Protein backbone atom coordinates (compact mmCIF):
# COMPACT_ATOMS: atom_id res chain seq x y z
CA MET A 1 -60.60 49.24 -80.57
CA THR A 2 -62.57 45.98 -81.10
CA LYS A 3 -64.02 45.48 -77.63
CA THR A 4 -67.78 44.98 -77.69
CA ILE A 5 -69.61 47.87 -75.78
CA ASN A 6 -72.61 46.65 -73.87
CA SER A 7 -73.65 49.36 -71.44
CA HIS A 8 -76.77 50.60 -69.82
CA SER A 9 -75.10 53.34 -67.81
CA GLN A 10 -76.15 56.86 -68.28
CA ILE A 11 -73.10 59.07 -68.05
CA VAL A 12 -72.90 62.86 -68.87
CA ALA A 13 -69.45 64.13 -70.00
CA PHE A 14 -68.65 67.83 -69.54
CA CYS A 15 -65.91 68.40 -72.07
CA CYS A 16 -63.79 71.34 -72.79
CA ARG A 17 -64.45 72.79 -76.31
CA TYR A 18 -60.69 73.00 -77.27
CA CYS A 19 -59.41 69.67 -76.28
CA ALA A 20 -61.64 67.04 -74.84
CA TYR A 21 -64.67 67.85 -77.15
CA ALA A 22 -62.08 67.89 -80.05
CA ALA A 23 -60.70 64.61 -78.96
CA ALA A 24 -64.28 63.11 -78.78
CA ASP A 25 -64.87 64.45 -82.27
CA LEU A 26 -61.46 63.00 -83.50
CA ALA A 27 -62.50 59.76 -81.97
CA GLY A 28 -65.65 59.86 -84.10
CA VAL A 29 -63.74 60.81 -87.31
CA LEU A 30 -61.32 57.79 -86.74
CA ARG A 31 -64.54 55.78 -86.20
CA LEU A 32 -63.37 54.65 -82.79
CA ARG A 33 -66.14 53.09 -80.79
CA TYR A 34 -67.03 54.27 -77.34
CA PRO A 35 -70.38 53.64 -75.23
CA PRO A 36 -73.27 55.34 -76.66
CA ASP A 37 -74.68 56.01 -73.34
CA ILE A 38 -72.26 59.07 -72.96
CA ARG A 39 -73.97 62.35 -73.50
CA ILE A 40 -71.42 65.08 -74.21
CA VAL A 41 -71.97 68.57 -72.99
CA GLN A 42 -69.63 71.07 -74.52
CA LEU A 43 -68.04 73.78 -72.27
CA PRO A 44 -65.99 76.73 -73.26
CA CYS A 45 -63.53 75.59 -70.74
CA THR A 46 -63.78 72.98 -67.93
CA GLY A 47 -63.15 75.96 -65.64
CA ARG A 48 -66.76 76.99 -66.18
CA LEU A 49 -67.90 73.60 -64.78
CA ASP A 50 -70.70 74.41 -62.25
CA THR A 51 -70.72 72.10 -59.20
CA LEU A 52 -74.54 72.49 -59.21
CA GLU A 53 -74.89 71.32 -62.85
CA VAL A 54 -72.90 68.20 -61.93
CA LEU A 55 -75.28 67.53 -59.07
CA HIS A 56 -78.26 68.25 -61.02
CA ALA A 57 -77.17 65.70 -63.74
CA LEU A 58 -76.76 63.12 -61.00
CA GLU A 59 -80.05 64.06 -59.23
CA HIS A 60 -81.95 63.70 -62.69
CA GLY A 61 -80.83 60.19 -63.54
CA ALA A 62 -77.21 60.14 -64.65
CA ASP A 63 -75.34 57.28 -63.18
CA ALA A 64 -72.04 59.17 -63.29
CA VAL A 65 -70.37 62.45 -64.71
CA MET A 66 -67.13 62.44 -66.71
CA VAL A 67 -65.27 65.88 -66.82
CA ALA A 68 -62.70 66.04 -69.54
CA GLY A 69 -60.54 69.06 -70.12
CA CYS A 70 -57.15 70.17 -71.22
CA LEU A 71 -53.80 68.62 -70.30
CA GLU A 72 -52.64 70.19 -67.09
CA GLY A 73 -50.52 73.03 -67.65
CA ASP A 74 -51.81 73.48 -71.27
CA CYS A 75 -55.15 75.06 -70.53
CA HIS A 76 -56.41 77.54 -73.23
CA PHE A 77 -57.79 79.64 -70.26
CA GLN A 78 -54.62 79.31 -68.16
CA ARG A 79 -55.84 77.58 -65.13
CA GLY A 80 -59.37 76.44 -65.98
CA ASN A 81 -58.58 72.77 -65.77
CA ILE A 82 -56.87 73.26 -62.36
CA VAL A 83 -60.11 75.06 -61.09
CA ALA A 84 -62.23 72.05 -62.48
CA ARG A 85 -60.08 69.66 -60.87
CA THR A 86 -60.61 71.40 -57.52
CA ARG A 87 -64.26 71.34 -58.06
CA VAL A 88 -64.50 67.73 -59.14
CA ASN A 89 -62.55 66.78 -55.91
CA ARG A 90 -65.01 68.94 -53.78
CA ILE A 91 -67.98 67.03 -55.46
CA LYS A 92 -66.48 63.78 -54.69
CA GLU A 93 -66.34 64.89 -51.08
CA LEU A 94 -69.91 65.99 -51.11
CA LEU A 95 -70.97 62.75 -52.73
CA THR A 96 -69.01 60.84 -49.95
CA GLU A 97 -70.88 62.80 -47.22
CA ILE A 98 -74.35 61.87 -48.56
CA GLY A 99 -73.47 58.19 -49.01
CA ILE A 100 -72.89 57.97 -52.86
CA GLU A 101 -69.82 56.54 -54.39
CA PRO A 102 -67.36 59.28 -55.24
CA GLU A 103 -65.99 57.14 -58.31
CA ARG A 104 -69.26 58.37 -59.97
CA VAL A 105 -67.54 61.64 -60.87
CA GLU A 106 -63.92 61.69 -62.51
CA MET A 107 -61.80 64.09 -64.38
CA PHE A 108 -59.77 63.20 -67.42
CA ASN A 109 -57.12 65.38 -69.11
CA MET A 110 -56.30 65.16 -72.71
CA SER A 111 -55.31 67.26 -75.82
CA SER A 112 -57.36 67.56 -78.91
CA ALA A 113 -55.11 65.08 -80.70
CA MET A 114 -55.98 62.35 -78.28
CA GLY A 115 -59.16 60.79 -79.82
CA ARG A 116 -58.04 57.33 -79.13
CA GLN A 117 -57.40 58.12 -75.55
CA PHE A 118 -60.83 59.73 -75.21
CA ALA A 119 -62.48 56.58 -76.56
CA GLU A 120 -60.48 54.41 -74.04
CA ALA A 121 -61.19 56.83 -71.18
CA ALA A 122 -64.98 56.73 -71.94
CA LEU A 123 -64.83 52.91 -72.23
CA GLU A 124 -62.82 52.26 -69.07
CA PHE A 125 -65.12 54.92 -67.15
CA THR A 126 -68.27 53.29 -68.31
CA GLU A 127 -66.96 49.87 -67.42
CA ARG A 128 -66.21 51.28 -63.91
CA ILE A 129 -69.83 52.73 -63.53
CA THR A 130 -71.44 49.61 -64.85
CA ALA A 131 -69.67 47.52 -62.23
CA LEU A 132 -71.07 50.05 -59.43
CA GLY A 133 -74.50 49.60 -60.78
CA PRO A 134 -77.17 52.31 -61.17
CA SER A 135 -77.12 55.39 -59.34
CA PRO A 136 -79.10 55.22 -56.08
CA LEU A 137 -80.49 58.57 -57.08
CA ARG A 138 -81.73 57.21 -60.20
CA SER A 139 -83.75 54.46 -58.36
CA GLY A 140 -85.16 57.23 -55.95
CA LEU A 141 -86.04 59.40 -59.02
CA LYS A 142 -87.97 56.40 -60.50
CA GLU A 143 -89.83 55.82 -57.21
CA ILE A 144 -90.96 59.52 -56.91
CA THR A 145 -92.10 59.46 -60.65
CA GLU A 146 -94.14 56.24 -60.19
CA ALA A 147 -95.77 57.85 -57.10
CA VAL A 148 -96.57 61.10 -58.94
CA GLU A 149 -97.96 59.30 -61.83
CA MET A 150 -100.53 57.23 -59.55
């Protein structure tokens, strides 16, 4: 991957320990580049994804949240990634209801051997989020912080 990475988006990636986190690690071992603005949070399984944690990440300045789990039908905890997909879809509905682009939250499925696909997904997602611009919640957070500091 030789594409130049120029991003200022803040993205939190909740990754399953067995697949997506291992894929991110493999991307590093292979020296594949993906945006440095992605902050990875390891989960035992994406089935443990908490809706409130995703909303907290967005509320506290993340421009987007990437959820990455095992391939469908290949979850180490049987249905964890299916549960996560349902939660991600519900989060997208909540964001739409409050006037925030649902594209700011996305789920990806990959195996531990898919380091290249992790890097490509991270790059493509970051480009989409950069095109959307900063989260409206982040600008509101900045205004609140400035008002408190005065």
